Amino acid sequence: MPTAPSIMQPQPKQRLLSLDFFRGLTIAAMVLVNNPGDWGHIYAPLEHSKWNGCTPTDLIFPFFLFMVGVSIVYAISGRKQDKTQHKQIISKAFKRAVTLYIIFALLALIPNFDFAHFRIMGVLPRIAIVFFICVIIFIKTNFKFWLWLFCIILIVYCFLMTVIPVPGYGYAILERGKNLAAWLDNIILTPSHVWNQTKTWDPEGILSTLPSIATCLYGMMVGFTLKRNDKNESEKVAWLLTFACFSVIAALIWNNWFPINKSLWTSSFVLYTGGLATAGLTISYWLIDVHHRKKYITPFIAYGSNAITAYVAADAVLIVLGLIQVNLHGHVTNLQDYLYQTIFVPHFSPINASLAGAITYVLILMIPMMILYKKKIFIKV
């Protein structure tokens, strides 16, 4: 799964070190869960929930979109009041969104360039769409509008998914592949251009992108609160943690009729993950930015400072390794499988070998991220 927070990096004097840390922790977790040594042997917390429910892995993508919202606030607040700059901000945001999509397309198409089965939507496209829309919302409206829009999106999406009859069924249904979002993906994207593991619908599909905008709005509201100058750090932390608790409680209540579900990105999922993200970032802010507890956080800061680079590099390296053919015990395999079979499999149980391979990959990728950070190189798309 994915960075748009690094799409618009805040200026150094405005930078929240806790945001870089929390984003880096999220990206490292993303690399970990996306790259097990063996997809057939994975610890349960490192897998997505089968349908309803939420595992730690399900938190990664919404946390990331949440931080897109926080980063938007810190990146362009200083230019928001100058309306003459709005056109330039929107133009730059559009170009960056398009660049993200081009990167996604290249990663998906190389080396075969099979356009007939090209997945149109996905993690990076969702980030690109949400980022661009929320930049426009941020510079053209205010906090009160964000809050109202956030609530309206969650209510309208719940109504669409739980009240509107699904064609072919005659009633609203939330089952896998049978819900309104799946029907829309199947009609518009067609089975040839959705996620190949589902064939008929996409977990990052069209309709479910709507509530993902709400997740980014959540981050914008939290970023705005953190940036306020009329409250001290203790007041900010108290308000945010209180709101995070109420958000999670509201999500658990809503879960009774609109279940927490990542694939559908349900309204309860937005509140649940947004509350947890708020709590995680607020605690990081209190410890790192307020009390300057910075020991051992540098590797995650490095990941967070070049998050999009880390995400793309993780995929690109595996593509290259997959193209290199080698001989393993008399049969041809790719270099990635060869390294896994020779380094990890002989020394661990299957599930621990898979985990060891994933952790090793995170640590290896950390090396270039640390080099970039030490040299103060921050790559933007």
Protein backbone atom coordinates (compact mmCIF):
# COMPACT_ATOMS: atom_id res chain seq x y z
CA MET A 1 0.00 0.00 0.00
CA PRO A 2 1.88 4.19 0.41
CA THR A 3 3.28 9.74 0.23
CA ALA A 4 1.71 12.59 -0.22
CA PRO A 5 2.76 14.17 3.03
CA SER A 6 6.17 14.47 1.44
CA ILE A 7 4.53 15.81 -1.70
CA MET A 8 4.35 19.15 0.07
CA GLN A 9 7.03 19.24 2.71
CA PRO A 10 6.70 22.00 5.35
CA GLN A 11 9.45 24.54 5.65
CA PRO A 12 12.11 23.55 8.22
CA LYS A 13 11.05 26.24 10.71
CA GLN A 14 7.45 24.96 10.61
CA ARG A 15 8.25 21.29 10.50
CA LEU A 16 6.69 19.01 13.09
CA LEU A 17 9.33 16.46 13.98
CA SER A 18 6.60 14.27 15.43
CA LEU A 19 4.83 14.28 12.06
CA ASP A 20 7.97 13.04 10.29
CA PHE A 21 8.39 10.39 12.97
CA PHE A 22 4.80 9.19 12.83
CA ARG A 23 4.81 9.22 9.04
CA GLY A 24 8.12 7.33 9.00
CA LEU A 25 6.80 4.74 11.43
CA THR A 26 3.76 4.30 9.17
CA ILE A 27 5.87 3.93 6.03
CA ALA A 28 8.20 1.42 7.71
CA ALA A 29 5.13 -0.58 8.77
CA MET A 30 3.80 -0.36 5.22
CA VAL A 31 7.03 -1.77 3.79
CA LEU A 32 6.95 -4.52 6.44
CA VAL A 33 3.41 -5.72 5.70
CA ASN A 34 3.71 -5.32 1.93
CA ASN A 35 6.85 -7.43 1.64
CA PRO A 36 6.68 -10.69 3.63
CA GLY A 37 9.12 -13.37 2.66
CA ASP A 38 6.26 -15.74 1.94
CA TRP A 39 2.65 -14.61 1.42
CA GLY A 40 1.49 -18.04 2.56
CA HIS A 41 2.97 -17.58 6.05
CA ILE A 42 2.08 -14.29 7.76
CA TYR A 43 1.29 -13.45 11.37
CA ALA A 44 -2.36 -12.39 11.72
CA PRO A 45 -1.67 -8.77 12.84
CA LEU A 46 0.39 -8.28 9.66
CA GLU A 47 -2.55 -9.17 7.42
CA HIS A 48 -5.59 -7.14 6.47
CA SER A 49 -8.87 -8.16 8.03
CA LYS A 50 -10.79 -10.60 5.86
CA TRP A 51 -13.75 -8.21 5.69
CA ASN A 52 -15.25 -6.40 8.69
CA GLY A 53 -12.95 -5.48 11.55
CA CYS A 54 -9.58 -3.78 11.76
CA THR A 55 -6.09 -5.24 12.20
CA PRO A 56 -2.94 -3.15 12.79
CA THR A 57 -2.24 -3.52 9.07
CA ASP A 58 -5.58 -1.90 8.24
CA LEU A 59 -4.47 1.23 10.11
CA ILE A 60 -1.53 2.00 7.84
CA PHE A 61 -3.23 3.51 4.80
CA PRO A 62 -5.75 5.68 6.71
CA PHE A 63 -2.95 6.88 8.99
CA PHE A 64 -1.07 7.90 5.89
CA LEU A 65 -3.99 9.83 4.38
CA PHE A 66 -4.59 11.43 7.77
CA MET A 67 -1.01 12.72 7.71
CA VAL A 68 -1.52 14.03 4.17
CA GLY A 69 -4.10 16.34 5.71
CA VAL A 70 -1.83 17.42 8.56
CA SER A 71 0.99 18.10 6.10
CA ILE A 72 -1.22 20.20 3.83
CA VAL A 73 -1.90 22.54 6.75
CA TYR A 74 1.77 22.90 7.65
CA ALA A 75 2.89 23.22 4.03
CA ILE A 76 0.68 25.97 2.67
CA SER A 77 -0.92 27.81 5.60
CA GLY A 78 1.48 30.70 5.12
CA ARG A 79 0.28 31.26 1.55
CA LYS A 80 -3.44 30.63 2.05
CA GLN A 81 -4.32 34.26 2.80
CA ASP A 82 -2.68 35.51 -0.39
CA LYS A 83 -5.35 34.71 -2.99
CA THR A 84 -2.99 35.63 -5.81
CA GLN A 85 -1.04 32.47 -5.00
CA HIS A 86 -4.04 30.12 -5.08
CA LYS A 87 -3.81 29.40 -8.78
CA GLN A 88 -0.14 28.51 -8.46
CA ILE A 89 -0.79 26.27 -5.42
CA ILE A 90 -3.57 24.40 -7.22
CA SER A 91 -1.50 24.04 -10.37
CA LYS A 92 1.44 22.65 -8.43
CA ALA A 93 -0.81 20.28 -6.50
CA PHE A 94 -2.33 19.03 -9.77
CA LYS A 95 1.10 18.41 -11.29
CA ARG A 96 2.19 16.48 -8.21
CA ALA A 97 -0.99 14.42 -8.24
CA VAL A 98 -0.43 13.57 -11.92
CA THR A 99 3.20 12.66 -11.17
CA LEU A 100 2.04 10.31 -8.44
CA TYR A 101 -0.29 8.60 -10.88
CA ILE A 102 2.45 8.28 -13.50
CA ILE A 103 4.70 6.64 -10.89
CA PHE A 104 1.88 4.25 -10.02
CA ALA A 105 1.34 3.40 -13.69
CA LEU A 106 5.02 2.69 -14.30
CA LEU A 107 5.27 0.44 -11.24
CA ALA A 108 2.15 -1.43 -12.35
CA LEU A 109 3.06 -1.78 -16.02
CA ILE A 110 6.79 -2.58 -15.93
CA PRO A 111 8.01 -4.92 -17.41
CA ASN A 112 5.08 -6.26 -19.49
CA PHE A 113 3.08 -3.08 -20.18
CA ASP A 114 -0.19 -4.98 -20.16
CA PHE A 115 -2.62 -2.10 -20.67
CA ALA A 116 -5.53 -4.48 -21.23
CA HIS A 117 -5.44 -5.47 -17.55
CA PHE A 118 -4.05 -2.26 -16.09
CA ARG A 119 -5.49 -1.46 -12.66
CA ILE A 120 -6.82 2.09 -12.92
CA MET A 121 -7.27 2.79 -9.20
CA GLY A 122 -4.94 1.87 -6.35
CA VAL A 123 -3.08 3.24 -3.35
CA LEU A 124 -1.07 5.96 -5.12
CA PRO A 125 -4.04 7.08 -7.28
CA ARG A 126 -6.17 7.43 -4.15
CA ILE A 127 -3.46 9.49 -2.48
CA ALA A 128 -3.15 11.67 -5.58
CA ILE A 129 -6.91 12.28 -5.84
CA VAL A 130 -7.41 12.94 -2.13
CA PHE A 131 -4.35 15.19 -1.94
CA PHE A 132 -5.44 17.38 -4.86
CA ILE A 133 -9.05 17.74 -3.70
CA CYS A 134 -8.05 18.53 -0.12
CA VAL A 135 -5.53 21.17 -1.19
CA ILE A 136 -8.35 23.00 -2.98
CA ILE A 137 -10.67 22.59 0.02
CA PHE A 138 -7.96 23.88 2.36
CA ILE A 139 -7.12 27.08 0.50
CA LYS A 140 -10.70 27.96 -0.48
CA THR A 141 -12.57 27.24 2.77
CA ASN A 142 -12.20 27.36 6.55
CA PHE A 143 -12.22 25.00 9.52
CA LYS A 144 -15.98 25.23 10.00
CA PHE A 145 -16.53 24.16 6.38
CA TRP A 146 -14.11 21.23 6.80
CA LEU A 147 -16.03 20.01 9.84
CA TRP A 148 -19.40 20.26 8.12
CA LEU A 149 -18.09 18.61 4.96
CA PHE A 150 -16.50 15.84 7.04
CA CYS A 151 -19.83 15.08 8.74
CA ILE A 152 -21.81 15.31 5.50
CA ILE A 153 -19.47 12.90 3.70
CA LEU A 154 -19.74 10.30 6.46
CA ILE A 155 -23.55 10.55 6.63
CA VAL A 156 -24.09 10.58 2.86
CA TYR A 157 -21.73 7.64 2.33
CA CYS A 158 -23.49 5.67 5.05
CA PHE A 159 -26.84 6.43 3.38
CA LEU A 160 -25.57 5.36 -0.04
CA MET A 161 -24.14 2.09 1.21
CA THR A 162 -26.85 1.06 3.67
CA VAL A 163 -30.06 2.43 2.08
CA ILE A 164 -29.67 2.59 -1.71
CA PRO A 165 -30.64 -0.77 -3.30
CA VAL A 166 -27.84 -2.50 -5.21
CA PRO A 167 -28.87 -3.29 -8.81
CA GLY A 168 -29.37 -7.02 -9.19
CA TYR A 169 -30.21 -7.53 -5.51
CA GLY A 170 -33.03 -5.06 -4.94
CA TYR A 171 -31.84 -4.00 -1.49
CA ALA A 172 -28.79 -2.49 0.18
CA ILE A 173 -26.08 -5.02 0.98
CA LEU A 174 -22.57 -4.73 2.40
CA GLU A 175 -21.17 -8.13 1.49
CA ARG A 176 -17.92 -8.55 -0.37
CA GLY A 177 -18.34 -7.95 -4.10
CA LYS A 178 -22.10 -7.37 -3.78
CA ASN A 179 -22.30 -3.85 -2.37
CA LEU A 180 -22.96 -0.56 -4.16
CA ALA A 181 -19.26 0.36 -4.31
CA ALA A 182 -18.41 -3.00 -5.91
CA TRP A 183 -21.26 -2.61 -8.41
CA LEU A 184 -19.97 0.83 -9.42
CA ASP A 185 -16.38 -0.45 -9.82
CA ASN A 186 -17.60 -3.34 -11.94
CA ILE A 187 -19.59 -1.00 -14.20
CA ILE A 188 -17.12 1.86 -14.59
CA LEU A 189 -13.70 0.24 -14.16
CA THR A 190 -14.80 -3.13 -15.62
CA PRO A 191 -13.29 -6.43 -14.42
CA SER A 192 -10.22 -5.84 -16.59
CA HIS A 193 -9.09 -2.76 -14.67
CA VAL A 194 -9.67 -3.56 -10.98
CA TRP A 195 -7.43 -5.23 -8.42
CA ASN A 196 -6.48 -8.64 -9.84
CA GLN A 197 -7.14 -10.40 -6.53
CA THR A 198 -10.83 -9.50 -6.62
CA LYS A 199 -11.52 -9.40 -10.39
CA THR A 200 -14.81 -7.48 -10.01
CA TRP A 201 -14.20 -4.66 -7.51
CA ASP A 202 -11.37 -2.58 -6.09
CA PRO A 203 -10.59 -1.89 -2.41
CA GLU A 204 -9.35 1.52 -3.58
CA GLY A 205 -12.32 1.95 -5.90
CA ILE A 206 -14.39 4.91 -7.02
CA LEU A 207 -17.14 5.32 -4.42
CA SER A 208 -14.94 4.43 -1.43
CA THR A 209 -12.59 7.27 -2.39
CA LEU A 210 -15.26 9.67 -1.07
CA PRO A 211 -14.86 8.74 2.63
CA SER A 212 -11.08 8.64 2.18
CA ILE A 213 -11.34 12.39 1.53
CA ALA A 214 -12.96 12.60 4.97
CA THR A 215 -9.90 10.88 6.45
CA CYS A 216 -7.69 13.59 4.97
CA LEU A 217 -10.07 16.29 6.23
CA TYR A 218 -9.71 14.74 9.68
CA GLY A 219 -5.95 15.23 9.41
CA MET A 220 -6.43 18.83 8.24
CA MET A 221 -8.53 19.62 11.30
CA VAL A 222 -5.96 18.05 13.62
CA GLY A 223 -3.13 19.88 11.84
CA PHE A 224 -5.02 23.17 12.18
CA THR A 225 -5.48 22.53 15.92
CA LEU A 226 -1.79 21.75 16.42
CA LYS A 227 -0.81 24.92 14.57
CA ARG A 228 -3.04 27.25 16.59
CA ASN A 229 -1.23 29.92 18.57
CA ASP A 230 -4.07 30.77 20.95
CA LYS A 231 -3.66 27.57 22.99
CA ASN A 232 -0.62 26.18 24.75
CA GLU A 233 0.75 22.68 24.14
CA SER A 234 -1.01 21.13 27.13
CA GLU A 235 -4.40 22.44 26.01
CA LYS A 236 -3.87 21.20 22.47
CA VAL A 237 -2.90 17.74 23.65
CA ALA A 238 -5.82 17.53 26.08
CA TRP A 239 -8.37 18.58 23.44
CA LEU A 240 -6.97 16.27 20.76
CA LEU A 241 -6.76 13.21 23.00
CA THR A 242 -10.29 13.84 24.24
CA PHE A 243 -11.56 14.15 20.68
CA ALA A 244 -9.66 10.99 19.70
CA CYS A 245 -11.39 9.03 22.47
CA PHE A 246 -14.84 10.29 21.47
CA SER A 247 -14.09 9.50 17.84
CA VAL A 248 -13.19 5.89 18.60
CA ILE A 249 -16.25 5.48 20.84
CA ALA A 250 -18.51 6.92 18.13
CA ALA A 251 -16.95 4.54 15.61
CA LEU A 252 -17.59 1.52 17.81
CA ILE A 253 -21.22 2.56 18.22
CA TRP A 254 -21.65 3.18 14.47
CA ASN A 255 -20.00 -0.18 13.84
CA ASN A 256 -23.26 -1.86 14.90
CA TRP A 257 -25.03 -0.92 11.65
CA PHE A 258 -22.20 0.29 9.38
CA PRO A 259 -19.29 -2.01 10.29
CA ILE A 260 -15.67 -0.90 10.50
CA ASN A 261 -14.32 -2.08 7.14
CA LYS A 262 -11.18 -0.95 5.31
CA SER A 263 -12.13 -2.30 1.87
CA LEU A 264 -15.34 -0.24 1.95
CA TRP A 265 -13.65 2.59 3.91
CA THR A 266 -16.83 2.87 5.94
CA SER A 267 -17.78 5.94 7.94
CA SER A 268 -17.10 4.05 11.18
CA PHE A 269 -13.67 3.11 9.77
CA VAL A 270 -12.93 6.81 9.15
CA LEU A 271 -13.81 7.72 12.75
CA TYR A 272 -12.01 4.73 14.26
CA THR A 273 -8.74 5.12 12.36
CA GLY A 274 -8.88 8.91 12.57
CA GLY A 275 -9.23 8.73 16.34
CA LEU A 276 -6.30 6.34 16.65
CA ALA A 277 -4.18 8.43 14.28
CA THR A 278 -4.98 11.55 16.29
CA ALA A 279 -3.96 9.82 19.51
CA GLY A 280 -0.73 8.50 17.95
CA LEU A 281 0.32 11.83 16.47
CA THR A 282 -0.68 13.78 19.60
CA ILE A 283 1.35 11.52 21.89
CA SER A 284 4.30 11.77 19.47
CA TYR A 285 3.92 15.57 19.48
CA TRP A 286 3.88 15.69 23.27
CA LEU A 287 6.96 13.52 23.62
CA ILE A 288 9.04 14.74 20.68
CA ASP A 289 8.14 18.36 19.93
CA VAL A 290 7.15 19.46 23.42
CA HIS A 291 9.43 17.39 25.69
CA HIS A 292 12.18 16.77 23.11
CA ARG A 293 12.40 13.01 23.60
CA LYS A 294 14.34 12.26 20.42
CA LYS A 295 16.39 9.20 21.28
CA TYR A 296 16.15 6.34 18.75
CA ILE A 297 13.73 8.17 16.46
CA THR A 298 16.18 9.14 13.69
CA PRO A 299 15.59 6.04 11.47
CA PHE A 300 11.87 6.74 11.44
CA ILE A 301 12.46 10.45 10.83
CA ALA A 302 14.56 9.42 7.82
CA TYR A 303 11.75 7.23 6.49
CA GLY A 304 9.20 9.98 7.08
CA SER A 305 11.27 12.73 5.46
CA ASN A 306 11.35 10.85 2.15
CA ALA A 307 8.22 8.75 2.48
CA ILE A 308 7.23 8.68 -1.20
CA THR A 309 10.80 7.74 -2.14
CA ALA A 310 10.79 4.87 0.34
CA TYR A 311 7.45 3.60 -0.91
CA VAL A 312 8.47 3.70 -4.58
CA ALA A 313 11.92 2.25 -3.88
CA ALA A 314 10.40 -0.68 -1.99
CA ASP A 315 8.37 -1.64 -5.06
CA ALA A 316 11.05 -0.82 -7.62
CA VAL A 317 13.72 -2.97 -5.96
CA LEU A 318 11.39 -5.96 -5.90
CA ILE A 319 10.55 -5.46 -9.58
CA VAL A 320 14.25 -5.55 -10.44
CA LEU A 321 14.89 -8.61 -8.26
CA GLY A 322 11.93 -10.33 -9.87
CA LEU A 323 13.39 -9.82 -13.34
CA ILE A 324 16.73 -11.45 -12.53
CA GLN A 325 16.56 -15.21 -13.14
CA VAL A 326 18.78 -17.63 -11.19
CA ASN A 327 19.03 -21.39 -10.70
CA LEU A 328 17.88 -22.83 -7.37
CA HIS A 329 18.23 -26.57 -6.83
CA GLY A 330 17.76 -27.34 -10.49
CA HIS A 331 14.85 -24.99 -11.24
CA VAL A 332 14.78 -21.41 -12.41
CA THR A 333 13.48 -18.75 -10.03
CA ASN A 334 13.95 -15.02 -9.53
CA LEU A 335 16.63 -13.44 -7.38
CA GLN A 336 14.18 -12.34 -4.70
CA ASP A 337 12.97 -15.90 -4.11
CA TYR A 338 16.52 -17.22 -4.33
CA LEU A 339 17.75 -14.89 -1.57
CA TYR A 340 14.77 -15.72 0.63
CA GLN A 341 15.12 -19.48 0.15
CA THR A 342 18.86 -19.51 0.83
CA ILE A 343 19.15 -16.93 3.64
CA PHE A 344 15.99 -17.30 5.72
CA VAL A 345 14.16 -20.56 5.02
CA PRO A 346 16.92 -22.90 6.29
CA HIS A 347 17.19 -21.11 9.65
CA PHE A 348 13.61 -20.31 10.72
CA SER A 349 10.17 -21.84 10.86
CA PRO A 350 8.09 -20.85 7.80
CA ILE A 351 6.20 -18.01 9.50
CA ASN A 352 9.29 -16.62 11.24
CA ALA A 353 11.32 -16.88 8.04
CA SER A 354 8.65 -14.78 6.34
CA LEU A 355 8.75 -12.19 9.12
CA ALA A 356 12.56 -12.15 9.18
CA GLY A 357 12.62 -11.50 5.45
CA ALA A 358 10.20 -8.57 5.81
CA ILE A 359 12.13 -7.02 8.72
CA THR A 360 15.41 -7.39 6.86
CA TYR A 361 13.93 -5.59 3.86
CA VAL A 362 12.80 -2.70 6.07
CA LEU A 363 16.31 -2.44 7.56
CA ILE A 364 18.01 -2.58 4.16
CA LEU A 365 15.77 0.13 2.75
CA MET A 366 16.51 2.21 5.83
CA ILE A 367 20.15 2.60 4.74
CA PRO A 368 19.52 4.81 1.67
CA MET A 369 16.81 6.67 3.59
CA MET A 370 19.33 7.48 6.34
CA ILE A 371 21.89 8.62 3.77
CA LEU A 372 19.37 10.95 2.16
CA TYR A 373 18.34 12.33 5.54
CA LYS A 374 21.92 12.88 6.73
CA LYS A 375 22.69 14.75 3.51
CA LYS A 376 19.46 16.74 3.92
CA ILE A 377 18.12 15.53 0.58
CA PHE A 378 14.32 15.52 0.49
CA ILE A 379 12.95 14.19 -2.79
CA LYS A 380 9.61 15.60 -3.90
CA VAL A 381 7.54 14.30 -6.79
